[in-house]
Every structure is written in structure tokens, then in C-alpha cells.
Amino acid sequence: MHLALIALLLFLTSCMRERLSVHTDYLSIENLASYHVGTPDPVLNNPPIGQRLIVAWSVPRSYMDLADLHILITMRFRDRKERVEKIELLKKSGVYTYSMLNEEYFDKGGILTYKVQLFGGGQVLDEWRHQLWVDLITFERE
């Protein structure tokens, strides 16, 4: 009896998907297949160097009826600047990638931290915060 209950719980929890999944990765010459297999590739002479933020979503079908369904991505870079991206959700699942490559990557120093929020019907439905994310305390200068 207990084994059947545990199996049922595992089955039900394994079918549930997260609404938001977010991660970053770094891009370098090692991301090129031609680097590993030794085939000729002109990109090997000037490979992209940088970082990307990948946001995947899978929302319940009922969310598609909510007004103003979107994802708000707030990124902070190592140069202490911030960027906000708004992604309108037209499908119940998808992937958005923000890439920072080459000169932009070196100028900004890469992505330091980020917060991703899923909005619908005027409220936050889900949120994903990088472990270093903190709300900024700002002061007005006189």
C-alpha cells in the first residue's frame, strides 16, 4: 500500500513542469562543434565570446486568457547598469534568449544578476531570482 502511494506521488510530481526556467551560460570557442571535431570553420578564427540568459516558460492554458500576459526580465551587469526586457507571451510555452557577445560583453563585463517575473492580469504569477539578486536601495542626491 505504501509503495503504491509513493509511486503515485512520484508520478504526479514528475508530470508537473515549472512555469519559468532560467539559466545563463558562457559562449566561447569551445561551444563550436568544429573546434571539437577539427573541421574547417571560418568562425574559429574569430569565435563569439560572451554570455547569454535563457528563459523558458510553460504556462497553463488558462493563463492565456489573462490580460497583459508577459515576462519582465531585469538584468544587472558588472558595469552596474541595468536593462529591462519585456516579452509578450503569445504561446503557452517558449524560449527567449538574450545574448551579450564580443565588444558588448567586454564593455559591460557580463550579466551579474537577474530577476525574471511572469505577469498576467495585473499581478505577478511567478518569479525566478538569481541567487545574487537584491532589490536596490537608491538615494537621491541633493
C-alpha atoms as a PDB file:
ATOM      1  CA  MET A   1       0.000   0.000   0.000  1.00  0.00           C
ATOM      2  CA  HIS A   2       2.719   2.474   0.983  1.00  0.00           C
ATOM      3  CA  LEU A   3       4.773   1.628  -2.105  1.00  0.00           C
ATOM      4  CA  ALA A   4       1.784   2.309  -4.394  1.00  0.00           C
ATOM      5  CA  LEU A   5       1.178   5.667  -2.685  1.00  0.00           C
ATOM      6  CA  ILE A   6       4.825   6.689  -3.072  1.00  0.00           C
ATOM      7  CA  ALA A   7       4.814   5.632  -6.731  1.00  0.00           C
ATOM      8  CA  LEU A   8       1.655   7.677  -7.344  1.00  0.00           C
ATOM      9  CA  LEU A   9       3.155  10.764  -5.687  1.00  0.00           C
ATOM     10  CA  LEU A  10       6.345  10.438  -7.717  1.00  0.00           C
ATOM     11  CA  PHE A  11       4.350  10.065 -10.912  1.00  0.00           C
ATOM     12  CA  LEU A  12       2.194  13.127 -10.203  1.00  0.00           C
ATOM     13  CA  THR A  13       5.111  15.350  -9.210  1.00  0.00           C
ATOM     14  CA  SER A  14       7.215  14.297 -12.197  1.00  0.00           C
ATOM     15  CA  CYS A  15       4.493  15.431 -14.616  1.00  0.00           C
ATOM     16  CA  MET A  16       4.425  18.952 -13.223  1.00  0.00           C
ATOM     17  CA  ARG A  17       6.565  21.459 -15.083  1.00  0.00           C
ATOM     18  CA  GLU A  18       7.897  24.720 -13.800  1.00  0.00           C
ATOM     19  CA  ARG A  19       6.267  27.794 -15.246  1.00  0.00           C
ATOM     20  CA  LEU A  20       9.644  29.528 -15.530  1.00  0.00           C
ATOM     21  CA  SER A  21      13.105  28.110 -16.006  1.00  0.00           C
ATOM     22  CA  VAL A  22      16.065  30.470 -16.232  1.00  0.00           C
ATOM     23  CA  HIS A  23      19.812  29.996 -16.564  1.00  0.00           C
ATOM     24  CA  THR A  24      22.909  31.633 -18.002  1.00  0.00           C
ATOM     25  CA  ASP A  25      25.815  30.151 -19.865  1.00  0.00           C
ATOM     26  CA  TYR A  26      29.046  31.398 -21.354  1.00  0.00           C
ATOM     27  CA  LEU A  27      29.961  31.300 -25.026  1.00  0.00           C
ATOM     28  CA  SER A  28      33.489  30.682 -26.268  1.00  0.00           C
ATOM     29  CA  ILE A  29      35.382  28.790 -28.950  1.00  0.00           C
ATOM     30  CA  GLU A  30      34.588  25.574 -27.070  1.00  0.00           C
ATOM     31  CA  ASN A  31      30.880  25.948 -27.949  1.00  0.00           C
ATOM     32  CA  LEU A  32      31.684  25.415 -31.631  1.00  0.00           C
ATOM     33  CA  ALA A  33      31.338  21.845 -32.909  1.00  0.00           C
ATOM     34  CA  SER A  34      34.127  22.486 -35.413  1.00  0.00           C
ATOM     35  CA  TYR A  35      36.510  23.145 -32.502  1.00  0.00           C
ATOM     36  CA  HIS A  36      35.931  19.652 -31.103  1.00  0.00           C
ATOM     37  CA  VAL A  37      35.949  17.684 -34.350  1.00  0.00           C
ATOM     38  CA  GLY A  38      38.658  19.668 -36.139  1.00  0.00           C
ATOM     39  CA  THR A  39      36.680  20.610 -39.247  1.00  0.00           C
ATOM     40  CA  PRO A  40      37.419  23.810 -41.156  1.00  0.00           C
ATOM     41  CA  ASP A  41      35.308  26.708 -39.938  1.00  0.00           C
ATOM     42  CA  PRO A  42      35.970  30.423 -40.566  1.00  0.00           C
ATOM     43  CA  VAL A  43      34.280  31.241 -37.244  1.00  0.00           C
ATOM     44  CA  LEU A  44      37.177  29.510 -35.455  1.00  0.00           C
ATOM     45  CA  ASN A  45      39.370  32.490 -36.396  1.00  0.00           C
ATOM     46  CA  ASN A  46      37.069  34.925 -34.592  1.00  0.00           C
ATOM     47  CA  PRO A  47      34.753  32.957 -32.270  1.00  0.00           C
ATOM     48  CA  PRO A  48      31.933  34.654 -30.387  1.00  0.00           C
ATOM     49  CA  ILE A  49      32.822  35.336 -26.759  1.00  0.00           C
ATOM     50  CA  GLY A  50      30.106  36.223 -24.299  1.00  0.00           C
ATOM     51  CA  GLN A  51      27.216  35.194 -22.154  1.00  0.00           C
ATOM     52  CA  ARG A  52      23.546  34.515 -22.659  1.00  0.00           C
ATOM     53  CA  LEU A  53      20.466  34.393 -20.481  1.00  0.00           C
ATOM     54  CA  ILE A  54      17.947  31.721 -21.449  1.00  0.00           C
ATOM     55  CA  VAL A  55      14.349  31.983 -20.217  1.00  0.00           C
ATOM     56  CA  ALA A  56      11.923  29.134 -20.887  1.00  0.00           C
ATOM     57  CA  TRP A  57       8.259  29.196 -19.948  1.00  0.00           C
ATOM     58  CA  SER A  58       5.389  26.753 -19.911  1.00  0.00           C
ATOM     59  CA  VAL A  59       2.191  28.190 -18.509  1.00  0.00           C
ATOM     60  CA  PRO A  60      -1.219  26.595 -18.021  1.00  0.00           C
ATOM     61  CA  ARG A  61      -3.649  27.139 -20.885  1.00  0.00           C
ATOM     62  CA  SER A  62      -5.878  29.198 -18.548  1.00  0.00           C
ATOM     63  CA  TYR A  63      -3.124  31.851 -18.286  1.00  0.00           C
ATOM     64  CA  MET A  64      -3.505  32.645 -21.995  1.00  0.00           C
ATOM     65  CA  ASP A  65      -6.869  34.283 -21.195  1.00  0.00           C
ATOM     66  CA  LEU A  66      -5.296  36.737 -18.726  1.00  0.00           C
ATOM     67  CA  ALA A  67      -4.876  40.372 -19.741  1.00  0.00           C
ATOM     68  CA  ASP A  68      -1.334  41.603 -20.487  1.00  0.00           C
ATOM     69  CA  LEU A  69       0.417  38.224 -20.094  1.00  0.00           C
ATOM     70  CA  HIS A  70       4.154  38.902 -20.277  1.00  0.00           C
ATOM     71  CA  ILE A  71       7.564  38.179 -18.812  1.00  0.00           C
ATOM     72  CA  LEU A  72       9.637  41.022 -17.394  1.00  0.00           C
ATOM     73  CA  ILE A  73      13.388  40.383 -17.267  1.00  0.00           C
ATOM     74  CA  THR A  74      15.572  42.732 -15.208  1.00  0.00           C
ATOM     75  CA  MET A  75      19.304  42.204 -15.689  1.00  0.00           C
ATOM     76  CA  ARG A  76      22.176  43.890 -13.873  1.00  0.00           C
ATOM     77  CA  PHE A  77      25.580  43.919 -15.481  1.00  0.00           C
ATOM     78  CA  ARG A  78      29.007  44.074 -13.909  1.00  0.00           C
ATOM     79  CA  ASP A  79      29.342  47.714 -15.025  1.00  0.00           C
ATOM     80  CA  ARG A  80      26.448  48.473 -12.601  1.00  0.00           C
ATOM     81  CA  LYS A  81      23.982  49.261 -15.363  1.00  0.00           C
ATOM     82  CA  GLU A  82      20.581  47.657 -15.644  1.00  0.00           C
ATOM     83  CA  ARG A  83      18.438  46.553 -18.581  1.00  0.00           C
ATOM     84  CA  VAL A  84      14.771  45.547 -18.625  1.00  0.00           C
ATOM     85  CA  GLU A  85      13.274  43.350 -21.361  1.00  0.00           C
ATOM     86  CA  LYS A  86       9.530  42.760 -21.729  1.00  0.00           C
ATOM     87  CA  ILE A  87       8.432  39.607 -23.569  1.00  0.00           C
ATOM     88  CA  GLU A  88       4.768  39.370 -24.573  1.00  0.00           C
ATOM     89  CA  LEU A  89       3.559  35.776 -24.294  1.00  0.00           C
ATOM     90  CA  LEU A  90       1.653  34.713 -27.402  1.00  0.00           C
ATOM     91  CA  LYS A  91       2.093  30.962 -26.870  1.00  0.00           C
ATOM     92  CA  LYS A  92       1.749  28.892 -23.712  1.00  0.00           C
ATOM     93  CA  SER A  93       5.344  27.701 -23.959  1.00  0.00           C
ATOM     94  CA  GLY A  94       8.503  29.045 -25.483  1.00  0.00           C
ATOM     95  CA  VAL A  95      12.090  30.170 -25.035  1.00  0.00           C
ATOM     96  CA  TYR A  96      13.670  33.636 -25.074  1.00  0.00           C
ATOM     97  CA  THR A  97      17.441  34.121 -25.288  1.00  0.00           C
ATOM     98  CA  TYR A  98      19.285  37.349 -24.507  1.00  0.00           C
ATOM     99  CA  SER A  99      22.836  37.196 -25.869  1.00  0.00           C
ATOM    100  CA  MET A 100      25.659  39.553 -24.942  1.00  0.00           C
ATOM    101  CA  LEU A 101      28.597  38.971 -27.277  1.00  0.00           C
ATOM    102  CA  ASN A 102      32.083  40.246 -28.020  1.00  0.00           C
ATOM    103  CA  GLU A 103      32.529  44.010 -27.549  1.00  0.00           C
ATOM    104  CA  GLU A 104      29.275  44.472 -25.614  1.00  0.00           C
ATOM    105  CA  TYR A 105      30.241  41.594 -23.313  1.00  0.00           C
ATOM    106  CA  PHE A 106      33.683  43.053 -22.590  1.00  0.00           C
ATOM    107  CA  ASP A 107      32.304  46.594 -22.110  1.00  0.00           C
ATOM    108  CA  LYS A 108      29.590  45.541 -19.657  1.00  0.00           C
ATOM    109  CA  GLY A 109      31.538  42.707 -18.037  1.00  0.00           C
ATOM    110  CA  GLY A 110      28.711  40.235 -18.468  1.00  0.00           C
ATOM    111  CA  ILE A 111      25.484  39.574 -16.580  1.00  0.00           C
ATOM    112  CA  LEU A 112      25.950  39.846 -12.827  1.00  0.00           C
ATOM    113  CA  THR A 113      22.437  39.010 -11.662  1.00  0.00           C
ATOM    114  CA  TYR A 114      18.843  38.934 -12.883  1.00  0.00           C
ATOM    115  CA  LYS A 115      15.192  38.670 -11.900  1.00  0.00           C
ATOM    116  CA  VAL A 116      12.502  37.193 -14.172  1.00  0.00           C
ATOM    117  CA  GLN A 117       8.816  37.781 -13.426  1.00  0.00           C
ATOM    118  CA  LEU A 118       5.738  36.320 -15.099  1.00  0.00           C
ATOM    119  CA  PHE A 119       2.855  38.832 -15.105  1.00  0.00           C
ATOM    120  CA  GLY A 120      -0.787  38.341 -16.013  1.00  0.00           C
ATOM    121  CA  GLY A 121      -3.988  40.069 -15.065  1.00  0.00           C
ATOM    122  CA  GLY A 122      -2.044  42.840 -13.334  1.00  0.00           C
ATOM    123  CA  GLN A 123      -0.226  40.597 -10.856  1.00  0.00           C
ATOM    124  CA  VAL A 124       2.960  38.560 -10.529  1.00  0.00           C
ATOM    125  CA  LEU A 125       2.146  34.905 -11.244  1.00  0.00           C
ATOM    126  CA  ASP A 126       5.650  33.506 -10.854  1.00  0.00           C
ATOM    127  CA  GLU A 127       9.166  34.769 -10.253  1.00  0.00           C
ATOM    128  CA  TRP A 128      12.712  33.485 -10.665  1.00  0.00           C
ATOM    129  CA  ARG A 129      15.576  35.310  -8.940  1.00  0.00           C
ATOM    130  CA  HIS A 130      19.279  34.737  -9.402  1.00  0.00           C
ATOM    131  CA  GLN A 131      20.882  33.875  -6.060  1.00  0.00           C
ATOM    132  CA  LEU A 132      22.757  37.217  -6.006  1.00  0.00           C
ATOM    133  CA  TRP A 133      19.681  39.327  -6.793  1.00  0.00           C
ATOM    134  CA  VAL A 134      18.753  42.005  -4.247  1.00  0.00           C
ATOM    135  CA  ASP A 135      16.412  44.949  -4.595  1.00  0.00           C
ATOM    136  CA  LEU A 136      18.434  48.134  -4.925  1.00  0.00           C
ATOM    137  CA  ILE A 137      18.239  50.844  -2.325  1.00  0.00           C
ATOM    138  CA  THR A 138      18.583  54.145  -4.129  1.00  0.00           C
ATOM    139  CA  PHE A 139      19.261  57.588  -2.670  1.00  0.00           C
ATOM    140  CA  GLU A 140      18.530  60.910  -4.284  1.00  0.00           C
ATOM    141  CA  ARG A 141      21.469  63.299  -4.369  1.00  0.00           C
ATOM    142  CA  GLU A 142      20.872  66.887  -3.397  1.00  0.00           C
END
